[in-house]
Each structure stands twice: as C-alpha cells, then as structure tokens.
N, C-alpha and C. Protein backbone atom coordinates (compact mmCIF):
# COMPACT_ATOMS: atom_id res chain seq x y z
N UNK A 1 9.75 -22.51 7.96
CA UNK A 1 8.84 -22.57 8.89
C UNK A 1 7.67 -22.10 8.94
N UNK A 2 6.51 -23.07 9.42
CA UNK A 2 5.18 -22.85 8.79
C UNK A 2 4.61 -22.11 10.55
N UNK A 3 3.62 -21.20 10.22
CA UNK A 3 3.29 -20.51 11.73
C UNK A 3 1.85 -20.90 11.67
N UNK A 4 1.32 -21.57 12.17
CA UNK A 4 -0.23 -21.69 12.42
C UNK A 4 -0.85 -21.18 13.81
N UNK A 5 -1.61 -19.66 13.29
CA UNK A 5 -2.58 -18.83 14.49
C UNK A 5 -3.84 -19.61 14.41
N UNK A 6 -4.24 -19.57 15.55
CA UNK A 6 -5.70 -19.66 15.37
C UNK A 6 -5.97 -18.83 16.79
N UNK A 7 -7.27 -17.87 16.58
CA UNK A 7 -8.02 -16.90 17.50
C UNK A 7 -9.45 -17.91 18.02
N UNK A 8 -9.63 -17.82 19.33
CA UNK A 8 -10.70 -18.57 19.76
C UNK A 8 -11.82 -17.38 20.58
N UNK A 9 -12.89 -17.39 20.16
CA UNK A 9 -14.12 -16.77 20.87
C UNK A 9 -15.04 -17.69 21.70
N UNK A 10 -14.81 -18.08 22.82
CA UNK A 10 -15.28 -18.65 23.99
C UNK A 10 -17.02 -18.26 24.01
N UNK A 11 -17.48 -19.79 24.38
CA UNK A 11 -19.05 -19.45 24.60
C UNK A 11 -19.30 -19.02 26.25
N UNK A 12 -18.65 -19.27 27.01
CA UNK A 12 -18.16 -18.94 28.25
C UNK A 12 -16.80 -18.02 28.59
N UNK A 13 -16.99 -16.74 28.38
CA UNK A 13 -15.63 -15.89 28.55
C UNK A 13 -15.35 -15.76 29.98
N UNK A 14 -15.70 -16.36 30.74
CA UNK A 14 -15.23 -16.24 32.16
C UNK A 14 -13.82 -16.60 32.39
N UNK A 15 -12.89 -15.79 33.02
CA UNK A 15 -11.75 -15.96 33.52
C UNK A 15 -11.36 -17.71 33.89
N UNK A 16 -12.37 -18.26 34.30
CA UNK A 16 -11.92 -19.40 34.73
C UNK A 16 -11.98 -20.61 33.66
N UNK A 17 -13.03 -20.40 32.89
CA UNK A 17 -13.23 -20.94 31.35
C UNK A 17 -12.30 -20.76 30.77
N UNK A 18 -11.85 -19.77 30.13
CA UNK A 18 -10.60 -19.24 29.51
C UNK A 18 -9.51 -19.93 29.95
N UNK A 19 -9.13 -19.94 31.37
CA UNK A 19 -7.71 -20.45 31.61
C UNK A 19 -7.97 -22.09 31.52
N UNK A 20 -8.76 -22.56 31.63
CA UNK A 20 -9.11 -24.23 31.24
C UNK A 20 -8.93 -24.41 29.97
N UNK A 21 -9.61 -23.33 29.10
CA UNK A 21 -9.05 -23.96 27.78
C UNK A 21 -7.70 -23.73 27.17
N UNK A 22 -7.47 -22.77 27.94
CA UNK A 22 -5.94 -22.47 27.54
C UNK A 22 -4.64 -23.60 27.97
N UNK A 23 -5.14 -23.88 29.60
CA UNK A 23 -4.48 -25.20 29.63
C UNK A 23 -4.62 -26.69 28.85
N UNK A 24 -5.69 -26.56 28.37
CA UNK A 24 -6.16 -27.85 27.58
C UNK A 24 -4.58 -27.78 26.36
N UNK A 25 -4.98 -26.42 25.91
CA UNK A 25 -4.37 -25.96 24.17
C UNK A 25 -2.68 -26.66 24.39
N UNK A 26 -2.19 -26.01 25.55
CA UNK A 26 -0.84 -26.00 26.14
C UNK A 26 -0.22 -27.10 26.52
N UNK A 27 -1.70 -28.46 26.82
CA UNK A 27 -1.12 -29.65 27.18
C UNK A 27 -0.56 -30.19 26.21
N UNK A 28 -0.62 -29.75 24.93
CA UNK A 28 -0.30 -30.85 23.71
C UNK A 28 1.10 -30.41 23.63
N UNK A 29 1.87 -29.67 24.49
CA UNK A 29 3.36 -29.25 24.26
C UNK A 29 4.12 -30.76 24.76
N UNK A 30 5.07 -30.90 23.62
CA UNK A 30 5.69 -32.14 24.23
C UNK A 30 5.38 -33.58 23.81
N UNK A 31 3.79 -33.51 23.44
CA UNK A 31 3.04 -34.60 22.98
C UNK A 31 3.05 -34.98 21.65
N UNK A 32 3.49 -34.04 20.57
CA UNK A 32 3.33 -34.14 18.78
C UNK A 32 4.78 -33.95 18.75
N UNK A 33 5.16 -34.81 18.10
CA UNK A 33 6.80 -34.46 17.75
C UNK A 33 6.82 -33.56 16.70
N UNK A 34 5.71 -33.22 15.90
CA UNK A 34 5.99 -32.07 14.78
C UNK A 34 5.75 -30.80 15.41
N UNK A 35 5.19 -30.92 16.37
CA UNK A 35 5.03 -29.38 16.94
C UNK A 35 5.89 -28.77 17.31
N UNK A 36 7.20 -27.65 16.85
CA UNK A 36 8.17 -27.19 17.14
C UNK A 36 7.60 -26.37 18.80
N UNK A 37 6.92 -24.98 18.46
CA UNK A 37 6.85 -24.60 19.59
C UNK A 37 5.07 -24.13 19.48
N UNK A 38 4.55 -23.88 21.11
CA UNK A 38 3.27 -23.66 20.88
C UNK A 38 3.35 -22.25 22.23
N UNK A 39 2.60 -21.40 22.01
CA UNK A 39 2.53 -20.35 22.81
C UNK A 39 0.80 -20.04 23.09
N UNK A 40 0.17 -19.70 24.13
CA UNK A 40 -1.19 -20.00 23.91
C UNK A 40 -1.44 -18.59 24.95
N UNK A 41 -2.16 -17.49 24.56
CA UNK A 41 -2.22 -16.26 25.40
C UNK A 41 -3.68 -15.78 25.04
N UNK A 42 -4.28 -15.73 26.60
CA UNK A 42 -5.43 -15.10 26.86
C UNK A 42 -5.46 -13.42 26.71
N UNK A 43 -6.64 -12.96 25.92
CA UNK A 43 -6.65 -11.54 25.80
C UNK A 43 -6.99 -10.63 27.18
N UNK A 44 -6.37 -9.63 27.09
CA UNK A 44 -6.10 -9.03 27.97
C UNK A 44 -7.26 -7.41 27.91
N UNK A 45 -7.69 -7.44 26.62
CA UNK A 45 -8.51 -6.17 26.62
C UNK A 45 -9.82 -6.17 26.57
N UNK A 46 -10.10 -7.43 26.34
CA UNK A 46 -11.71 -7.45 26.40
C UNK A 46 -12.64 -6.36 25.78
N UNK A 47 -12.21 -6.34 24.62
CA UNK A 47 -12.93 -5.44 24.11
C UNK A 47 -14.11 -6.18 23.05
N UNK A 48 -15.17 -5.48 22.37
CA UNK A 48 -16.15 -5.77 21.38
C UNK A 48 -15.65 -6.90 20.40
N UNK A 49 -14.50 -6.70 20.02
CA UNK A 49 -13.63 -7.30 18.54
C UNK A 49 -13.20 -8.62 19.03
N UNK A 50 -12.52 -8.09 20.74
CA UNK A 50 -11.52 -9.17 20.94
C UNK A 50 -11.90 -10.75 20.99
N UNK A 51 -11.04 -11.45 20.49
CA UNK A 51 -10.96 -13.05 20.54
C UNK A 51 -10.47 -13.57 22.19
N UNK A 52 -10.88 -14.72 22.71
CA UNK A 52 -10.42 -14.80 24.17
C UNK A 52 -9.00 -15.43 23.95
N UNK A 53 -8.99 -16.39 23.05
CA UNK A 53 -7.32 -16.99 23.23
C UNK A 53 -6.94 -16.79 21.98
N UNK A 54 -5.20 -16.69 21.87
CA UNK A 54 -4.64 -17.05 20.59
C UNK A 54 -3.67 -18.17 20.86
N UNK A 55 -3.91 -18.84 19.71
CA UNK A 55 -2.68 -19.99 19.67
C UNK A 55 -1.66 -19.88 18.62
N UNK A 56 -0.52 -20.02 19.33
CA UNK A 56 0.14 -19.81 18.13
C UNK A 56 1.25 -20.94 17.79
N UNK A 57 1.50 -21.93 16.88
CA UNK A 57 2.20 -23.17 16.79
C UNK A 57 3.18 -22.68 15.69
N UNK A 58 4.16 -23.42 15.42
CA UNK A 58 5.24 -23.60 14.75
C UNK A 58 5.37 -25.01 14.48
N UNK A 59 5.91 -25.12 12.84
CA UNK A 59 5.94 -26.41 12.51
C UNK A 59 7.14 -26.12 11.33
N UNK A 60 8.25 -27.37 11.16
CA UNK A 60 9.08 -27.26 10.08
C UNK A 60 8.77 -27.12 8.73
N UNK A 61 7.14 -27.76 8.46
CA UNK A 61 6.97 -27.81 7.24
C UNK A 61 5.70 -28.00 7.03
N UNK A 62 5.24 -28.04 5.64
CA UNK A 62 3.70 -28.09 5.72
C UNK A 62 3.02 -29.44 5.87
N UNK A 63 4.00 -30.37 5.44
CA UNK A 63 3.82 -31.76 6.01
C UNK A 63 3.73 -31.85 7.65
N UNK A 64 4.60 -31.54 8.15
CA UNK A 64 4.35 -31.86 9.74
C UNK A 64 3.20 -31.04 10.17
N UNK A 65 2.65 -29.67 9.75
CA UNK A 65 1.28 -29.26 10.06
C UNK A 65 0.30 -30.14 9.93
N UNK A 66 0.50 -30.61 8.82
CA UNK A 66 -0.96 -31.72 8.30
C UNK A 66 -0.83 -33.04 9.37
N UNK A 67 0.91 -33.31 9.82
CA UNK A 67 0.58 -34.50 10.62
C UNK A 67 0.02 -33.86 11.79
N UNK A 68 0.08 -33.13 12.29
CA UNK A 68 -0.25 -32.17 13.60
C UNK A 68 -2.13 -32.27 13.53
N UNK A 69 -2.77 -32.01 12.12
CA UNK A 69 -3.86 -31.46 12.44
C UNK A 69 -4.50 -32.85 12.59
N UNK A 70 -3.93 -34.16 12.09
CA UNK A 70 -4.85 -35.57 12.28
C UNK A 70 -4.14 -36.51 13.77
N UNK A 71 -3.07 -35.87 14.30
CA UNK A 71 -2.47 -36.52 15.59
C UNK A 71 -3.42 -36.50 16.83
N UNK A 72 -3.24 -37.74 17.12
CA UNK A 72 -4.44 -37.94 18.19
C UNK A 72 -4.80 -36.79 19.47
N UNK A 73 -3.53 -36.67 19.68
CA UNK A 73 -3.71 -35.40 21.04
C UNK A 73 -4.35 -33.94 20.05
N UNK A 74 -4.00 -34.00 19.19
CA UNK A 74 -4.88 -33.07 18.48
C UNK A 74 -6.11 -33.28 18.29
N UNK A 75 -6.44 -34.07 18.16
CA UNK A 75 -7.88 -34.66 17.92
C UNK A 75 -8.70 -34.27 19.23
N UNK A 76 -8.04 -34.86 19.88
CA UNK A 76 -8.93 -34.69 21.67
C UNK A 76 -8.90 -33.23 22.09
N UNK A 77 -7.80 -32.66 21.32
CA UNK A 77 -8.14 -30.91 21.51
C UNK A 77 -9.37 -30.18 20.92
N UNK A 78 -9.39 -30.89 19.99
CA UNK A 78 -10.56 -30.40 18.71
C UNK A 78 -11.72 -30.70 19.35
N UNK A 79 -11.80 -31.88 19.74
CA UNK A 79 -13.16 -32.35 20.55
C UNK A 79 -13.57 -31.05 21.62
N UNK A 80 -12.15 -30.72 22.52
CA UNK A 80 -13.18 -29.52 23.62
C UNK A 80 -13.23 -28.62 22.64
N UNK A 81 -12.27 -28.00 21.76
CA UNK A 81 -12.72 -26.54 21.10
C UNK A 81 -13.80 -26.66 20.57
N UNK A 82 -14.60 -27.68 19.90
CA UNK A 82 -15.69 -27.76 19.40
C UNK A 82 -16.73 -27.41 20.14
N UNK A 83 -16.72 -27.96 21.60
CA UNK A 83 -17.66 -27.82 22.26
C UNK A 83 -18.07 -26.31 23.38
N UNK A 84 -16.66 -25.72 23.15
CA UNK A 84 -16.27 -24.73 24.32
C UNK A 84 -16.29 -23.36 23.48
N UNK A 85 -16.19 -23.55 22.00
CA UNK A 85 -15.99 -21.98 21.13
C UNK A 85 -17.08 -21.67 20.34
N UNK A 86 -17.27 -20.54 20.64
CA UNK A 86 -18.16 -19.70 19.64
C UNK A 86 -17.76 -19.55 18.57
N UNK A 87 -16.69 -18.90 18.02
CA UNK A 87 -15.95 -18.99 16.71
C UNK A 87 -14.61 -18.78 16.84
N UNK A 88 -13.98 -19.29 15.74
CA UNK A 88 -12.12 -19.03 15.68
C UNK A 88 -11.85 -18.54 13.98
N UNK A 89 -10.93 -18.15 14.00
CA UNK A 89 -10.36 -17.33 13.33
C UNK A 89 -8.87 -18.29 12.58
N UNK A 90 -8.33 -18.33 11.77
CA UNK A 90 -6.89 -18.74 11.96
C UNK A 90 -6.20 -18.13 10.26
N UNK A 91 -4.64 -18.18 10.44
CA UNK A 91 -4.04 -18.15 9.41
C UNK A 91 -2.91 -18.72 9.66
N UNK A 92 -2.14 -19.48 8.36
CA UNK A 92 -1.05 -20.12 8.16
C UNK A 92 -0.16 -19.57 7.45
N UNK A 93 1.18 -19.09 7.70
CA UNK A 93 1.93 -18.43 7.05
C UNK A 93 3.42 -19.14 6.87
N UNK A 94 4.21 -19.08 5.92
CA UNK A 94 5.51 -19.41 6.09
C UNK A 94 6.53 -18.35 5.89
N UNK A 95 7.87 -18.41 6.86
CA UNK A 95 8.70 -17.42 7.09
C UNK A 95 10.16 -18.41 6.70
C-alpha cells in the first residue's frame, strides 16, 4: 500500500476559499480507478506554521500512484491547485 500525503497552503486562506478547494480535491473520489481512498482535511489551528489543507490518498502500488498522477481528472485538479496554492509539501510512503 502506498500513502500519498500533500499539504497545501493557499493564497486565499478564507474559510470559503479553503472549502471550495477541499471540494475540488474530494471530487476525485470514484473517478480515478487506481485511487483506493481519499481524505481531505482543513486545518483547525490556523497557526503561523499551519497549512490549510491536507490530502491523504492511498494506492495499491507505485504503478497505481503513477497512473493517478497522469489521469485526466487529477490533471484538472492540478490546474486548479496551481492557481490557488501558495505552497505545498508532500510525502509518499509504503506500508
């Protein structure tokens, strides 16, 4: 199992903007066959070091993660994220 985690800091950190982007991310659910699970959480602490959203996705293999990366639905999400994000960090691990 591969877990892919991405944290996003948005340019517009208003609750409304965060919720719109959270929904854009969640909209991938059920549309990408290799995507086994998806969870998107919005930060509740709002500290100086906080990121606004955390995306946690799971895949059966690295090959499935790679297929997700190039899937047209994910590519549309990337376009949105490129417009709205200030910064992002990620980690991928095998369990």
